[in-house]
């Protein structure tokens, strides 16, 4: 019984790693690994804006979290925007 559970756990682990690798190869340009924190603030209309994370500026939009094919590592959301350049 114990060996069957161990076998199932190993198979499940291999499947999870293979699926994650395939998803990255299929969807990602690769998000910019360098990011910064944006502090929460109150805008000019008095609305509280929650803090967030953003990629550091560079000369491409292909590695931003919101770019189609990338995944935001903080929220798990897929990017939906087509890069302008």
PDB file of N, CA and C in Angstrom:
ATOM      1  N   UNK A   1       0.832  -1.201   0.000  1.00  0.00           N
ATOM      2  CA  UNK A   1       0.000   0.000   0.000  1.00  0.00           C
ATOM      3  C   UNK A   1       0.869   1.254   0.000  1.00  0.00           C
ATOM      4  N   UNK A   2       1.892   1.276   0.889  1.00  0.00           N
ATOM      5  CA  UNK A   2       2.757   2.446   0.998  1.00  0.00           C
ATOM      6  C   UNK A   2       3.555   2.655  -0.287  1.00  0.00           C
ATOM      7  N   UNK A   3       4.004   1.557  -0.899  1.00  0.00           N
ATOM      8  CA  UNK A   3       4.778   1.683  -2.138  1.00  0.00           C
ATOM      9  C   UNK A   3       3.902   2.187  -3.285  1.00  0.00           C
ATOM     10  N   UNK A   4       2.626   1.836  -3.281  1.00  0.00           N
ATOM     11  CA  UNK A   4       1.719   2.336  -4.316  1.00  0.00           C
ATOM     12  C   UNK A   4       1.496   3.835  -4.164  1.00  0.00           C
ATOM     13  N   UNK A   5       1.376   4.297  -2.929  1.00  0.00           N
ATOM     14  CA  UNK A   5       1.191   5.731  -2.696  1.00  0.00           C
ATOM     15  C   UNK A   5       2.450   6.501  -3.081  1.00  0.00           C
ATOM     16  N   UNK A   6       3.611   5.946  -2.776  1.00  0.00           N
ATOM     17  CA  UNK A   6       4.872   6.587  -3.144  1.00  0.00           C
ATOM     18  C   UNK A   6       4.997   6.653  -4.661  1.00  0.00           C
ATOM     19  N   UNK A   7       4.642   5.572  -5.320  1.00  0.00           N
ATOM     20  CA  UNK A   7       4.684   5.525  -6.782  1.00  0.00           C
ATOM     21  C   UNK A   7       3.742   6.575  -7.380  1.00  0.00           C
ATOM     22  N   UNK A   8       2.548   6.689  -6.835  1.00  0.00           N
ATOM     23  CA  UNK A   8       1.579   7.678  -7.314  1.00  0.00           C
ATOM     24  C   UNK A   8       2.092   9.095  -7.088  1.00  0.00           C
ATOM     25  N   UNK A   9       2.729   9.341  -5.950  1.00  0.00           N
ATOM     26  CA  UNK A   9       3.269  10.673  -5.656  1.00  0.00           C
ATOM     27  C   UNK A   9       4.388  11.034  -6.625  1.00  0.00           C
ATOM     28  N   UNK A  10       5.249  10.080  -6.943  1.00  0.00           N
ATOM     29  CA  UNK A  10       6.342  10.328  -7.893  1.00  0.00           C
ATOM     30  C   UNK A  10       5.775  10.620  -9.276  1.00  0.00           C
ATOM     31  N   UNK A  11       4.819   9.853  -9.716  1.00  0.00           N
ATOM     32  CA  UNK A  11       4.206  10.067 -11.034  1.00  0.00           C
ATOM     33  C   UNK A  11       3.519  11.424 -11.091  1.00  0.00           C
ATOM     34  N   UNK A  12       2.801  11.783 -10.045  1.00  0.00           N
ATOM     35  CA  UNK A  12       2.133  13.084  -9.993  1.00  0.00           C
ATOM     36  C   UNK A  12       3.148  14.224 -10.027  1.00  0.00           C
ATOM     37  N   UNK A  13       4.259  14.078  -9.323  1.00  0.00           N
ATOM     38  CA  UNK A  13       5.305  15.108  -9.321  1.00  0.00           C
ATOM     39  C   UNK A  13       5.915  15.274 -10.705  1.00  0.00           C
ATOM     40  N   UNK A  14       6.206  14.179 -11.368  1.00  0.00           N
ATOM     41  CA  UNK A  14       6.766  14.239 -12.722  1.00  0.00           C
ATOM     42  C   UNK A  14       5.775  14.905 -13.666  1.00  0.00           C
ATOM     43  N   UNK A  15       4.504  14.574 -13.555  1.00  0.00           N
ATOM     44  CA  UNK A  15       3.473  15.182 -14.395  1.00  0.00           C
ATOM     45  C   UNK A  15       3.395  16.687 -14.167  1.00  0.00           C
ATOM     46  N   UNK A  16       3.460  17.115 -12.898  1.00  0.00           N
ATOM     47  CA  UNK A  16       3.378  18.547 -12.580  1.00  0.00           C
ATOM     48  C   UNK A  16       4.556  19.311 -13.174  1.00  0.00           C
ATOM     49  N   UNK A  17       5.755  18.767 -13.065  1.00  0.00           N
ATOM     50  CA  UNK A  17       6.940  19.430 -13.626  1.00  0.00           C
ATOM     51  C   UNK A  17       6.855  19.470 -15.146  1.00  0.00           C
ATOM     52  N   UNK A  18       6.446  18.381 -15.762  1.00  0.00           N
ATOM     53  CA  UNK A  18       6.337  18.342 -17.220  1.00  0.00           C
ATOM     54  C   UNK A  18       5.295  19.329 -17.728  1.00  0.00           C
ATOM     55  N   UNK A  19       4.176  19.439 -17.038  1.00  0.00           N
ATOM     56  CA  UNK A  19       3.121  20.372 -17.438  1.00  0.00           C
ATOM     57  C   UNK A  19       3.594  21.811 -17.315  1.00  0.00           C
ATOM     58  N   UNK A  20       4.267  22.139 -16.234  1.00  0.00           N
ATOM     59  CA  UNK A  20       4.772  23.507 -16.041  1.00  0.00           C
ATOM     60  C   UNK A  20       5.803  23.856 -17.104  1.00  0.00           C
ATOM     61  N   UNK A  21       6.683  22.921 -17.435  1.00  0.00           N
ATOM     62  CA  UNK A  21       7.696  23.155 -18.463  1.00  0.00           C
ATOM     63  C   UNK A  21       7.043  23.368 -19.814  1.00  0.00           C
ATOM     64  N   UNK A  22       6.042  22.573 -20.137  1.00  0.00           N
ATOM     65  CA  UNK A  22       5.343  22.710 -21.409  1.00  0.00           C
ATOM     66  C   UNK A  22       4.613  24.045 -21.488  1.00  0.00           C
ATOM     67  N   UNK A  23       3.965  24.458 -20.422  1.00  0.00           N
ATOM     68  CA  UNK A  23       3.240  25.731 -20.416  1.00  0.00           C
ATOM     69  C   UNK A  23       4.200  26.890 -20.623  1.00  0.00           C
ATOM     70  N   UNK A  24       5.358  26.848 -19.994  1.00  0.00           N
ATOM     71  CA  UNK A  24       6.336  27.915 -20.163  1.00  0.00           C
ATOM     72  C   UNK A  24       6.833  27.949 -21.603  1.00  0.00           C
ATOM     73  N   UNK A  25       7.100  26.801 -22.179  1.00  0.00           N
ATOM     74  CA  UNK A  25       7.579  26.753 -23.556  1.00  0.00           C
ATOM     75  C   UNK A  25       6.500  27.210 -24.532  1.00  0.00           C
ATOM     76  N   UNK A  26       5.249  26.893 -24.249  1.00  0.00           N
ATOM     77  CA  UNK A  26       4.158  27.226 -25.158  1.00  0.00           C
ATOM     78  C   UNK A  26       3.754  28.689 -25.076  1.00  0.00           C
ATOM     79  N   UNK A  27       3.727  29.261 -23.891  1.00  0.00           N
ATOM     80  CA  UNK A  27       3.135  30.581 -23.716  1.00  0.00           C
ATOM     81  C   UNK A  27       4.125  31.711 -23.470  1.00  0.00           C
ATOM     82  N   UNK A  28       5.273  31.427 -22.925  1.00  0.00           N
ATOM     83  CA  UNK A  28       6.079  32.523 -22.405  1.00  0.00           C
ATOM     84  C   UNK A  28       7.157  33.067 -23.310  1.00  0.00           C
ATOM     85  N   UNK A  29       7.272  34.375 -23.332  1.00  0.00           N
ATOM     86  CA  UNK A  29       8.470  35.020 -23.843  1.00  0.00           C
ATOM     87  C   UNK A  29       9.479  35.049 -22.707  1.00  0.00           C
ATOM     88  N   UNK A  30       8.989  34.924 -21.514  1.00  0.00           N
ATOM     89  CA  UNK A  30       9.800  35.016 -20.314  1.00  0.00           C
ATOM     90  C   UNK A  30       9.659  36.398 -19.710  1.00  0.00           C
ATOM     91  N   UNK A  31       9.020  36.465 -18.585  1.00  0.00           N
ATOM     92  CA  UNK A  31       8.855  37.750 -17.920  1.00  0.00           C
ATOM     93  C   UNK A  31      10.196  38.259 -17.420  1.00  0.00           C
ATOM     94  N   UNK A  32      10.295  39.563 -17.318  1.00  0.00           N
ATOM     95  CA  UNK A  32      11.475  40.217 -16.779  1.00  0.00           C
ATOM     96  C   UNK A  32      11.632  39.774 -15.328  1.00  0.00           C
ATOM     97  N   UNK A  33      12.776  39.195 -15.009  1.00  0.00           N
ATOM     98  CA  UNK A  33      12.963  38.672 -13.651  1.00  0.00           C
ATOM     99  C   UNK A  33      13.243  39.772 -12.634  1.00  0.00           C
ATOM    100  N   UNK A  34      13.510  40.967 -13.103  1.00  0.00           N
ATOM    101  CA  UNK A  34      13.774  42.085 -12.190  1.00  0.00           C
ATOM    102  C   UNK A  34      12.513  42.929 -12.075  1.00  0.00           C
ATOM    103  N   UNK A  35      12.080  43.118 -10.854  1.00  0.00           N
ATOM    104  CA  UNK A  35      10.857  43.880 -10.646  1.00  0.00           C
ATOM    105  C   UNK A  35      11.017  44.805  -9.450  1.00  0.00           C
ATOM    106  N   UNK A  36      10.044  45.677  -9.283  1.00  0.00           N
ATOM    107  CA  UNK A  36      10.046  46.592  -8.149  1.00  0.00           C
ATOM    108  C   UNK A  36       8.634  46.676  -7.578  1.00  0.00           C
ATOM    109  N   UNK A  37       8.563  47.125  -6.349  1.00  0.00           N
ATOM    110  CA  UNK A  37       7.284  47.261  -5.661  1.00  0.00           C
ATOM    111  C   UNK A  37       6.741  48.668  -5.859  1.00  0.00           C
ATOM    112  N   UNK A  38       5.458  48.768  -6.131  1.00  0.00           N
ATOM    113  CA  UNK A  38       4.777  50.060  -6.216  1.00  0.00           C
ATOM    114  C   UNK A  38       3.973  50.204  -4.927  1.00  0.00           C
ATOM    115  N   UNK A  39       4.270  51.229  -4.178  1.00  0.00           N
ATOM    116  CA  UNK A  39       3.614  51.439  -2.879  1.00  0.00           C
ATOM    117  C   UNK A  39       2.155  51.846  -3.053  1.00  0.00           C
ATOM    118  N   UNK A  40       1.298  51.461  -2.118  1.00  0.00           N
ATOM    119  CA  UNK A  40      -0.098  51.907  -2.179  1.00  0.00           C
ATOM    120  C   UNK A  40      -0.175  53.422  -1.999  1.00  0.00           C
ATOM    121  N   UNK A  41      -1.231  54.018  -2.555  1.00  0.00           N
ATOM    122  CA  UNK A  41      -1.388  55.474  -2.458  1.00  0.00           C
ATOM    123  C   UNK A  41      -2.853  55.844  -2.602  1.00  0.00           C
ATOM    124  N   UNK A  42      -3.166  57.101  -2.345  1.00  0.00           N
ATOM    125  CA  UNK A  42      -4.505  57.641  -2.554  1.00  0.00           C
ATOM    126  C   UNK A  42      -4.413  58.593  -3.739  1.00  0.00           C
ATOM    127  N   UNK A  43      -5.222  58.349  -4.783  1.00  0.00           N
ATOM    128  CA  UNK A  43      -5.140  59.194  -5.977  1.00  0.00           C
ATOM    129  C   UNK A  43      -5.858  60.531  -5.767  1.00  0.00           C
ATOM    130  N   UNK A  44      -5.839  61.362  -6.799  1.00  0.00           N
ATOM    131  CA  UNK A  44      -6.389  62.719  -6.686  1.00  0.00           C
ATOM    132  C   UNK A  44      -7.903  62.739  -6.458  1.00  0.00           C
ATOM    133  N   UNK A  45      -8.587  61.618  -6.728  1.00  0.00           N
ATOM    134  CA  UNK A  45     -10.034  61.538  -6.496  1.00  0.00           C
ATOM    135  C   UNK A  45     -10.354  60.967  -5.117  1.00  0.00           C
ATOM    136  N   UNK A  46      -9.298  60.689  -4.331  1.00  0.00           N
ATOM    137  CA  UNK A  46      -9.499  60.165  -2.986  1.00  0.00           C
ATOM    138  C   UNK A  46      -9.661  58.661  -2.921  1.00  0.00           C
ATOM    139  N   UNK A  47      -9.408  57.968  -4.025  1.00  0.00           N
ATOM    140  CA  UNK A  47      -9.544  56.519  -4.062  1.00  0.00           C
ATOM    141  C   UNK A  47      -8.231  55.860  -3.655  1.00  0.00           C
ATOM    142  N   UNK A  48      -8.311  54.890  -2.758  1.00  0.00           N
ATOM    143  CA  UNK A  48      -7.131  54.135  -2.337  1.00  0.00           C
ATOM    144  C   UNK A  48      -6.743  53.177  -3.453  1.00  0.00           C
ATOM    145  N   UNK A  49      -5.472  53.183  -3.838  1.00  0.00           N
ATOM    146  CA  UNK A  49      -4.955  52.284  -4.865  1.00  0.00           C
ATOM    147  C   UNK A  49      -3.989  51.328  -4.181  1.00  0.00           C
ATOM    148  N   UNK A  50      -4.283  50.040  -4.286  1.00  0.00           N
ATOM    149  CA  UNK A  50      -3.496  49.013  -3.626  1.00  0.00           C
ATOM    150  C   UNK A  50      -2.093  48.930  -4.237  1.00  0.00           C
ATOM    151  N   UNK A  51      -1.098  48.580  -3.446  1.00  0.00           N
ATOM    152  CA  UNK A  51       0.266  48.395  -3.931  1.00  0.00           C
ATOM    153  C   UNK A  51       0.348  47.211  -4.884  1.00  0.00           C
ATOM    154  N   UNK A  52       1.408  47.173  -5.686  1.00  0.00           N
ATOM    155  CA  UNK A  52       1.566  46.094  -6.659  1.00  0.00           C
ATOM    156  C   UNK A  52       3.039  45.931  -7.002  1.00  0.00           C
ATOM    157  N   UNK A  53       3.316  45.066  -7.962  1.00  0.00           N
ATOM    158  CA  UNK A  53       4.664  44.851  -8.477  1.00  0.00           C
ATOM    159  C   UNK A  53       4.655  45.138  -9.971  1.00  0.00           C
ATOM    160  N   UNK A  54       5.783  45.591 -10.491  1.00  0.00           N
ATOM    161  CA  UNK A  54       5.928  45.837 -11.928  1.00  0.00           C
ATOM    162  C   UNK A  54       7.350  45.487 -12.340  1.00  0.00           C
ATOM    163  N   UNK A  55       7.520  45.127 -13.608  1.00  0.00           N
ATOM    164  CA  UNK A  55       8.864  44.862 -14.108  1.00  0.00           C
ATOM    165  C   UNK A  55       9.627  46.169 -14.219  1.00  0.00           C
ATOM    166  N   UNK A  56      10.931  46.086 -14.051  1.00  0.00           N
ATOM    167  CA  UNK A  56      11.763  47.271 -14.203  1.00  0.00           C
ATOM    168  C   UNK A  56      11.750  47.723 -15.660  1.00  0.00           C
ATOM    169  N   UNK A  57      11.813  49.034 -15.901  1.00  0.00           N
ATOM    170  CA  UNK A  57      11.792  49.535 -17.276  1.00  0.00           C
ATOM    171  C   UNK A  57      13.008  49.050 -18.069  1.00  0.00           C
ATOM    172  N   UNK A  58      12.778  48.755 -19.340  1.00  0.00           N
ATOM    173  CA  UNK A  58      13.859  48.433 -20.268  1.00  0.00           C
ATOM    174  C   UNK A  58      13.386  48.801 -21.671  1.00  0.00           C
ATOM    175  N   UNK A  59      14.075  48.358 -22.703  1.00  0.00           N
ATOM    176  CA  UNK A  59      13.740  48.804 -24.054  1.00  0.00           C
ATOM    177  C   UNK A  59      12.823  47.846 -24.815  1.00  0.00           C
ATOM    178  N   UNK A  60      12.082  47.008 -24.122  1.00  0.00           N
ATOM    179  CA  UNK A  60      11.146  46.102 -24.786  1.00  0.00           C
ATOM    180  C   UNK A  60       9.882  45.939 -23.939  1.00  0.00           C
ATOM    181  N   UNK A  61       8.788  45.612 -24.605  1.00  0.00           N
ATOM    182  CA  UNK A  61       7.545  45.305 -23.889  1.00  0.00           C
ATOM    183  C   UNK A  61       7.297  43.798 -23.848  1.00  0.00           C
ATOM    184  N   UNK A  62       8.169  43.030 -24.485  1.00  0.00           N
ATOM    185  CA  UNK A  62       7.967  41.593 -24.590  1.00  0.00           C
ATOM    186  C   UNK A  62       8.077  40.870 -23.249  1.00  0.00           C
ATOM    187  N   UNK A  63       8.719  41.489 -22.261  1.00  0.00           N
ATOM    188  CA  UNK A  63       8.913  40.800 -20.989  1.00  0.00           C
ATOM    189  C   UNK A  63       8.101  41.391 -19.838  1.00  0.00           C
ATOM    190  N   UNK A  64       7.128  42.240 -20.140  1.00  0.00           N
ATOM    191  CA  UNK A  64       6.260  42.793 -19.095  1.00  0.00           C
ATOM    192  C   UNK A  64       5.236  41.752 -18.659  1.00  0.00           C
ATOM    193  N   UNK A  65       4.800  41.824 -17.406  1.00  0.00           N
ATOM    194  CA  UNK A  65       3.839  40.849 -16.888  1.00  0.00           C
ATOM    195  C   UNK A  65       2.535  40.856 -17.672  1.00  0.00           C
ATOM    196  N   UNK A  66       2.135  42.003 -18.202  1.00  0.00           N
ATOM    197  CA  UNK A  66       0.847  42.099 -18.885  1.00  0.00           C
ATOM    198  C   UNK A  66       0.909  41.702 -20.352  1.00  0.00           C
ATOM    199  N   UNK A  67       2.096  41.425 -20.885  1.00  0.00           N
ATOM    200  CA  UNK A  67       2.231  41.056 -22.290  1.00  0.00           C
ATOM    201  C   UNK A  67       1.692  39.651 -22.518  1.00  0.00           C
ATOM    202  N   UNK A  68       0.961  39.487 -23.618  1.00  0.00           N
ATOM    203  CA  UNK A  68       0.388  38.190 -23.981  1.00  0.00           C
ATOM    204  C   UNK A  68       1.486  37.123 -23.972  1.00  0.00           C
ATOM    205  N   UNK A  69       1.203  36.018 -23.305  1.00  0.00           N
ATOM    206  CA  UNK A  69       2.159  34.924 -23.243  1.00  0.00           C
ATOM    207  C   UNK A  69       2.976  34.881 -21.970  1.00  0.00           C
ATOM    208  N   UNK A  70       2.965  35.944 -21.191  1.00  0.00           N
ATOM    209  CA  UNK A  70       3.703  35.968 -19.928  1.00  0.00           C
ATOM    210  C   UNK A  70       2.749  35.759 -18.761  1.00  0.00           C
ATOM    211  N   UNK A  71       3.301  35.335 -17.654  1.00  0.00           N
ATOM    212  CA  UNK A  71       2.515  35.096 -16.446  1.00  0.00           C
ATOM    213  C   UNK A  71       3.066  35.965 -15.326  1.00  0.00           C
ATOM    214  N   UNK A  72       2.183  36.672 -14.635  1.00  0.00           N
ATOM    215  CA  UNK A  72       2.591  37.479 -13.494  1.00  0.00           C
ATOM    216  C   UNK A  72       2.876  36.529 -12.331  1.00  0.00           C
ATOM    217  N   UNK A  73       4.125  36.480 -11.848  1.00  0.00           N
ATOM    218  CA  UNK A  73       4.456  35.526 -10.785  1.00  0.00           C
ATOM    219  C   UNK A  73       3.817  35.863  -9.439  1.00  0.00           C
ATOM    220  N   UNK A  74       3.336  37.076  -9.268  1.00  0.00           N
ATOM    221  CA  UNK A  74       2.729  37.483  -8.003  1.00  0.00           C
ATOM    222  C   UNK A  74       1.240  37.164  -7.952  1.00  0.00           C
ATOM    223  N   UNK A  75       0.563  37.199  -9.110  1.00  0.00           N
ATOM    224  CA  UNK A  75      -0.883  36.961  -9.134  1.00  0.00           C
ATOM    225  C   UNK A  75      -1.262  35.676  -9.852  1.00  0.00           C
ATOM    226  N   UNK A  76      -0.369  35.158 -10.687  1.00  0.00           N
ATOM    227  CA  UNK A  76      -0.660  33.963 -11.473  1.00  0.00           C
ATOM    228  C   UNK A  76      -1.481  34.250 -12.717  1.00  0.00           C
ATOM    229  N   UNK A  77      -1.772  35.520 -13.002  1.00  0.00           N
ATOM    230  CA  UNK A  77      -2.594  35.868 -14.161  1.00  0.00           C
ATOM    231  C   UNK A  77      -1.764  35.886 -15.437  1.00  0.00           C
ATOM    232  N   UNK A  78      -2.385  35.405 -16.528  1.00  0.00           N
ATOM    233  CA  UNK A  78      -1.748  35.438 -17.844  1.00  0.00           C
ATOM    234  C   UNK A  78      -1.847  36.841 -18.419  1.00  0.00           C
ATOM    235  N   UNK A  79      -0.796  37.276 -19.106  1.00  0.00           N
ATOM    236  CA  UNK A  79      -0.816  38.567 -19.776  1.00  0.00           C
ATOM    237  C   UNK A  79      -1.752  38.541 -20.973  1.00  0.00           C
ATOM    238  N   UNK A  80      -2.360  39.686 -21.282  1.00  0.00           N
ATOM    239  CA  UNK A  80      -3.336  39.751 -22.374  1.00  0.00           C
ATOM    240  C   UNK A  80      -3.016  40.827 -23.401  1.00  0.00           C
ATOM    241  N   UNK A  81      -2.056  41.699 -23.135  1.00  0.00           N
ATOM    242  CA  UNK A  81      -1.792  42.828 -24.026  1.00  0.00           C
ATOM    243  C   UNK A  81      -0.807  42.444 -25.126  1.00  0.00           C
ATOM    244  N   UNK A  82      -1.069  42.928 -26.333  1.00  0.00           N
ATOM    245  CA  UNK A  82      -0.144  42.760 -27.441  1.00  0.00           C
ATOM    246  C   UNK A  82       0.865  43.908 -27.378  1.00  0.00           C
ATOM    247  N   UNK A  83       2.175  43.605 -27.440  1.00  0.00           N
ATOM    248  CA  UNK A  83       3.162  44.680 -27.348  1.00  0.00           C
ATOM    249  C   UNK A  83       3.069  45.637 -28.528  1.00  0.00           C
ATOM    250  N   UNK A  84       3.274  46.926 -28.274  1.00  0.00           N
ATOM    251  CA  UNK A  84       3.252  47.938 -29.335  1.00  0.00           C
ATOM    252  C   UNK A  84       4.544  47.938 -30.123  1.00  0.00           C
ATOM    253  N   UNK A  85       5.633  47.536 -29.510  1.00  0.00           N
ATOM    254  CA  UNK A  85       6.928  47.485 -30.199  1.00  0.00           C
ATOM    255  C   UNK A  85       7.745  46.334 -29.702  1.00  0.00           C
TER     256      UNK A  85
END
